[in-house]
PDB file of N, CA and C in Angstrom:
ATOM      1  N   MET A   1      60.188  62.243-155.010  1.00  0.00           N
ATOM      2  CA  MET A   1      59.750  60.918-155.411  1.00  0.00           C
ATOM      3  C   MET A   1      59.347  60.125-154.178  1.00  0.00           C
ATOM      4  N   CYS A   2      58.451  59.188-154.392  1.00  0.00           N
ATOM      5  CA  CYS A   2      57.989  58.353-153.293  1.00  0.00           C
ATOM      6  C   CYS A   2      58.725  57.021-153.308  1.00  0.00           C
ATOM      7  N   ASP A   3      59.127  56.588-152.127  1.00  0.00           N
ATOM      8  CA  ASP A   3      59.821  55.309-152.016  1.00  0.00           C
ATOM      9  C   ASP A   3      58.837  54.154-151.983  1.00  0.00           C
ATOM     10  N   GLU A   4      57.692  54.380-151.385  1.00  0.00           N
ATOM     11  CA  GLU A   4      56.701  53.318-151.254  1.00  0.00           C
ATOM     12  C   GLU A   4      55.386  53.783-151.851  1.00  0.00           C
ATOM     13  N   MET A   5      54.605  52.832-152.305  1.00  0.00           N
ATOM     14  CA  MET A   5      53.319  53.151-152.909  1.00  0.00           C
ATOM     15  C   MET A   5      52.397  53.851-151.912  1.00  0.00           C
ATOM     16  N   THR A   6      52.448  53.456-150.651  1.00  0.00           N
ATOM     17  CA  THR A   6      51.574  54.064-149.647  1.00  0.00           C
ATOM     18  C   THR A   6      51.915  55.533-149.440  1.00  0.00           C
ATOM     19  N   ASP A   7      53.199  55.875-149.509  1.00  0.00           N
ATOM     20  CA  ASP A   7      53.601  57.276-149.381  1.00  0.00           C
ATOM     21  C   ASP A   7      53.030  58.107-150.523  1.00  0.00           C
ATOM     22  N   CYS A   8      53.091  57.555-151.729  1.00  0.00           N
ATOM     23  CA  CYS A   8      52.544  58.261-152.891  1.00  0.00           C
ATOM     24  C   CYS A   8      51.041  58.447-152.735  1.00  0.00           C
ATOM     25  N   HIS A   9      50.366  57.404-152.300  1.00  0.00           N
ATOM     26  CA  HIS A   9      48.915  57.471-152.157  1.00  0.00           C
ATOM     27  C   HIS A   9      48.519  58.496-151.104  1.00  0.00           C
ATOM     28  N   SER A  10      49.193  58.503-149.964  1.00  0.00           N
ATOM     29  CA  SER A  10      48.836  59.448-148.909  1.00  0.00           C
ATOM     30  C   SER A  10      49.151  60.879-149.337  1.00  0.00           C
ATOM     31  N   SER A  11      50.212  61.058-150.101  1.00  0.00           N
ATOM     32  CA  SER A  11      50.578  62.378-150.614  1.00  0.00           C
ATOM     33  C   SER A  11      49.514  62.875-151.581  1.00  0.00           C
ATOM     34  N   THR A  12      49.089  62.013-152.481  1.00  0.00           N
ATOM     35  CA  THR A  12      48.061  62.360-153.455  1.00  0.00           C
ATOM     36  C   THR A  12      46.751  62.668-152.751  1.00  0.00           C
ATOM     37  N   SER A  13      46.416  61.859-151.778  1.00  0.00           N
ATOM     38  CA  SER A  13      45.185  62.062-151.021  1.00  0.00           C
ATOM     39  C   SER A  13      45.213  63.399-150.290  1.00  0.00           C
ATOM     40  N   TYR A  14      46.351  63.727-149.699  1.00  0.00           N
ATOM     41  CA  TYR A  14      46.501  65.000-148.988  1.00  0.00           C
ATOM     42  C   TYR A  14      46.316  66.171-149.951  1.00  0.00           C
ATOM     43  N   CYS A  15      46.933  66.080-151.121  1.00  0.00           N
ATOM     44  CA  CYS A  15      46.822  67.157-152.111  1.00  0.00           C
ATOM     45  C   CYS A  15      45.384  67.327-152.584  1.00  0.00           C
ATOM     46  N   LYS A  16      44.703  66.214-152.825  1.00  0.00           N
ATOM     47  CA  LYS A  16      43.309  66.285-153.268  1.00  0.00           C
ATOM     48  C   LYS A  16      42.433  66.912-152.194  1.00  0.00           C
ATOM     49  N   THR A  17      42.639  66.518-150.953  1.00  0.00           N
ATOM     50  CA  THR A  17      41.855  67.063-149.844  1.00  0.00           C
ATOM     51  C   THR A  17      42.121  68.550-149.679  1.00  0.00           C
ATOM     52  N   THR A  18      43.383  68.933-149.726  1.00  0.00           N
ATOM     53  CA  THR A  18      43.749  70.343-149.596  1.00  0.00           C
ATOM     54  C   THR A  18      43.151  71.158-150.736  1.00  0.00           C
ATOM     55  N   ALA A  19      43.233  70.638-151.946  1.00  0.00           N
ATOM     56  CA  ALA A  19      42.680  71.337-153.110  1.00  0.00           C
ATOM     57  C   ALA A  19      41.171  71.497-152.963  1.00  0.00           C
ATOM     58  N   PHE A  20      40.495  70.461-152.491  1.00  0.00           N
ATOM     59  CA  PHE A  20      39.047  70.524-152.307  1.00  0.00           C
ATOM     60  C   PHE A  20      38.674  71.604-151.293  1.00  0.00           C
ATOM     61  N   VAL A  21      39.393  71.651-150.183  1.00  0.00           N
ATOM     62  CA  VAL A  21      39.119  72.649-149.137  1.00  0.00           C
ATOM     63  C   VAL A  21      39.356  74.059-149.682  1.00  0.00           C
ATOM     64  N   LEU A  22      40.469  74.264-150.364  1.00  0.00           N
ATOM     65  CA  LEU A  22      40.763  75.581-150.941  1.00  0.00           C
ATOM     66  C   LEU A  22      39.709  75.977-151.965  1.00  0.00           C
ATOM     67  N   GLN A  23      39.337  75.032-152.807  1.00  0.00           N
ATOM     68  CA  GLN A  23      38.341  75.311-153.838  1.00  0.00           C
ATOM     69  C   GLN A  23      36.999  75.682-153.205  1.00  0.00           C
ATOM     70  N   ARG A  24      36.632  74.984-152.157  1.00  0.00           N
ATOM     71  CA  ARG A  24      35.360  75.241-151.490  1.00  0.00           C
ATOM     72  C   ARG A  24      35.325  76.654-150.913  1.00  0.00           C
ATOM     73  N   HIS A  25      36.452  77.121-150.402  1.00  0.00           N
ATOM     74  CA  HIS A  25      36.508  78.464-149.826  1.00  0.00           C
ATOM     75  C   HIS A  25      36.688  79.538-150.892  1.00  0.00           C
ATOM     76  N   CYS A  26      37.373  79.214-151.973  1.00  0.00           N
ATOM     77  CA  CYS A  26      37.655  80.209-153.012  1.00  0.00           C
ATOM     78  C   CYS A  26      36.451  80.495-153.907  1.00  0.00           C
ATOM     79  N   LYS A  27      35.634  79.492-154.171  1.00  0.00           N
ATOM     80  CA  LYS A  27      34.505  79.685-155.089  1.00  0.00           C
ATOM     81  C   LYS A  27      33.599  80.838-154.673  1.00  0.00           C
ATOM     82  N   PRO A  28      33.141  80.905-153.415  1.00  0.00           N
ATOM     83  CA  PRO A  28      32.265  82.027-153.034  1.00  0.00           C
ATOM     84  C   PRO A  28      32.970  83.382-153.143  1.00  0.00           C
ATOM     85  N   LEU A  29      34.247  83.430-152.767  1.00  0.00           N
ATOM     86  CA  LEU A  29      34.992  84.688-152.852  1.00  0.00           C
ATOM     87  C   LEU A  29      35.141  85.136-154.298  1.00  0.00           C
ATOM     88  N   CYS A  30      35.466  84.205-155.165  1.00  0.00           N
ATOM     89  CA  CYS A  30      35.628  84.542-156.580  1.00  0.00           C
ATOM     90  C   CYS A  30      34.301  84.969-157.190  1.00  0.00           C
ATOM     91  N   SER A  31      33.233  84.330-156.779  1.00  0.00           N
ATOM     92  CA  SER A  31      31.914  84.687-157.294  1.00  0.00           C
ATOM     93  C   SER A  31      31.545  86.113-156.911  1.00  0.00           C
ATOM     94  N   VAL A  32      31.769  86.473-155.659  1.00  0.00           N
ATOM     95  CA  VAL A  32      31.478  87.833-155.195  1.00  0.00           C
ATOM     96  C   VAL A  32      32.369  88.837-155.912  1.00  0.00           C
ATOM     97  N   ALA A  33      33.643  88.520-156.034  1.00  0.00           N
ATOM     98  CA  ALA A  33      34.582  89.428-156.708  1.00  0.00           C
ATOM     99  C   ALA A  33      34.188  89.623-158.167  1.00  0.00           C
ATOM    100  N   ALA A  34      33.814  88.549-158.840  1.00  0.00           N
ATOM    101  CA  ALA A  34      33.422  88.645-160.250  1.00  0.00           C
ATOM    102  C   ALA A  34      32.161  89.484-160.403  1.00  0.00           C
ATOM    103  N   THR A  35      31.205  89.309-159.507  1.00  0.00           N
ATOM    104  CA  THR A  35      29.974  90.095-159.558  1.00  0.00           C
ATOM    105  C   THR A  35      30.275  91.571-159.353  1.00  0.00           C
ATOM    106  N   ASN A  36      31.118  91.884-158.385  1.00  0.00           N
ATOM    107  CA  ASN A  36      31.481  93.282-158.137  1.00  0.00           C
ATOM    108  C   ASN A  36      32.211  93.887-159.330  1.00  0.00           C
ATOM    109  N   MET A  37      33.133  93.136-159.915  1.00  0.00           N
ATOM    110  CA  MET A  37      33.864  93.644-161.079  1.00  0.00           C
ATOM    111  C   MET A  37      32.926  93.845-162.260  1.00  0.00           C
ATOM    112  N   GLN A  38      31.963  92.937-162.417  1.00  0.00           N
ATOM    113  CA  GLN A  38      31.012  93.064-163.516  1.00  0.00           C
ATOM    114  C   GLN A  38      30.175  94.328-163.345  1.00  0.00           C
ATOM    115  N   CYS A  39      29.756  94.626-162.133  1.00  0.00           N
ATOM    116  CA  CYS A  39      28.985  95.847-161.867  1.00  0.00           C
ATOM    117  C   CYS A  39      29.815  97.082-162.204  1.00  0.00           C
ATOM    118  N   ASP A  40      31.085  97.082-161.788  1.00  0.00           N
ATOM    119  CA  ASP A  40      31.974  98.210-162.092  1.00  0.00           C
ATOM    120  C   ASP A  40      32.159  98.364-163.594  1.00  0.00           C
ATOM    121  N   CYS A  41      32.363  97.255-164.284  1.00  0.00           N
ATOM    122  CA  CYS A  41      32.560  97.308-165.738  1.00  0.00           C
ATOM    123  C   CYS A  41      31.300  97.800-166.443  1.00  0.00           C
ATOM    124  N   ASN A  42      30.138  97.360-165.990  1.00  0.00           N
ATOM    125  CA  ASN A  42      28.888  97.812-166.598  1.00  0.00           C
ATOM    126  C   ASN A  42      28.709  99.310-166.410  1.00  0.00           C
ATOM    127  N   CYS A  43      29.021  99.815-165.230  1.00  0.00           N
ATOM    128  CA  CYS A  43      28.918 101.258-164.973  1.00  0.00           C
ATOM    129  C   CYS A  43      29.873 102.025-165.883  1.00  0.00           C
ATOM    130  N   PHE A  44      31.075 101.519-166.045  1.00  0.00           N
ATOM    131  CA  PHE A  44      32.058 102.160-166.919  1.00  0.00           C
ATOM    132  C   PHE A  44      31.582 102.126-168.371  1.00  0.00           C
ATOM    133  N   ALA A  45      31.032 100.997-168.801  1.00  0.00           N
ATOM    134  CA  ALA A  45      30.546 100.860-170.177  1.00  0.00           C
ATOM    135  C   ALA A  45      29.407 101.835-170.457  1.00  0.00           C
ATOM    136  N   VAL A  46      28.507 101.999-169.512  1.00  0.00           N
ATOM    137  CA  VAL A  46      27.396 102.944-169.680  1.00  0.00           C
ATOM    138  C   VAL A  46      27.928 104.367-169.783  1.00  0.00           C
ATOM    139  N   ALA A  47      28.850 104.725-168.905  1.00  0.00           N
ATOM    140  CA  ALA A  47      29.433 106.070-168.937  1.00  0.00           C
ATOM    141  C   ALA A  47      30.161 106.305-170.261  1.00  0.00           C
ATOM    142  N   LEU A  48      30.913 105.318-170.720  1.00  0.00           N
ATOM    143  CA  LEU A  48      31.641 105.441-171.982  1.00  0.00           C
ATOM    144  C   LEU A  48      30.672 105.573-173.156  1.00  0.00           C
ATOM    145  N   GLN A  49      29.584 104.848-173.106  1.00  0.00           N
ATOM    146  CA  GLN A  49      28.579 104.926-174.170  1.00  0.00           C
ATOM    147  C   GLN A  49      27.980 106.323-174.234  1.00  0.00           C
ATOM    148  N   HIS A  50      27.729 106.930-173.080  1.00  0.00           N
ATOM    149  CA  HIS A  50      27.192 108.295-173.047  1.00  0.00           C
ATOM    150  C   HIS A  50      28.198 109.285-173.639  1.00  0.00           C
ATOM    151  N   VAL A  51      29.456 109.137-173.291  1.00  0.00           N
ATOM    152  CA  VAL A  51      30.503 110.020-173.829  1.00  0.00           C
ATOM    153  C   VAL A  51      30.585 109.874-175.345  1.00  0.00           C
ATOM    154  N   CYS A  52      30.593 108.640-175.818  1.00  0.00           N
ATOM    155  CA  CYS A  52      30.673 108.398-177.268  1.00  0.00           C
ATOM    156  C   CYS A  52      29.432 108.927-177.983  1.00  0.00           C
ATOM    157  N   SER A  53      28.285 108.732-177.382  1.00  0.00           N
ATOM    158  CA  SER A  53      27.040 109.227-177.972  1.00  0.00           C
ATOM    159  C   SER A  53      27.046 110.750-178.060  1.00  0.00           C
ATOM    160  N   ASP A  54      27.465 111.401-176.981  1.00  0.00           N
ATOM    161  CA  ASP A  54      27.539 112.867-176.977  1.00  0.00           C
ATOM    162  C   ASP A  54      28.543 113.362-178.017  1.00  0.00           C
ATOM    163  N   ALA A  55      29.664 112.670-178.138  1.00  0.00           N
ATOM    164  CA  ALA A  55      30.681 113.054-179.125  1.00  0.00           C
ATOM    165  C   ALA A  55      30.136 112.895-180.539  1.00  0.00           C
ATOM    166  N   ALA A  56      29.417 111.817-180.786  1.00  0.00           N
ATOM    167  CA  ALA A  56      28.839 111.587-182.113  1.00  0.00           C
ATOM    168  C   ALA A  56      27.804 112.661-182.443  1.00  0.00           C
ATOM    169  N   LYS A  57      26.996 113.037-181.475  1.00  0.00           N
ATOM    170  CA  LYS A  57      25.999 114.098-181.689  1.00  0.00           C
ATOM    171  C   LYS A  57      26.693 115.421-182.002  1.00  0.00           C
ATOM    172  N   GLY A  58      27.801 115.676-181.323  1.00  0.00           N
ATOM    173  CA  GLY A  58      28.552 116.912-181.558  1.00  0.00           C
ATOM    174  C   GLY A  58      29.182 116.972-182.939  1.00  0.00           C
ATOM    175  N   MET A  59      29.448 115.818-183.535  1.00  0.00           N
ATOM    176  CA  MET A  59      30.074 115.777-184.858  1.00  0.00           C
ATOM    177  C   MET A  59      29.059 115.886-185.985  1.00  0.00           C
ATOM    178  N   GLN A  60      27.793 115.773-185.683  1.00  0.00           N
ATOM    179  CA  GLN A  60      26.760 115.805-186.731  1.00  0.00           C
ATOM    180  C   GLN A  60      26.513 117.202-187.231  1.00  0.00           C
TER     181      GLN A  60
END
């Protein structure tokens, strides 16, 4: 708890600034990671589709 209003304000300001800095650095990393994961998932989905298609052809 804060004893004085100024302490609360400076604490809040510090948290907002820290969050902004972290967010600014995390956004590009998360974007790259998401793109890489999406590429991996798409490759897996294509491979799975081929397996399922081949299996369906074999059952005909």
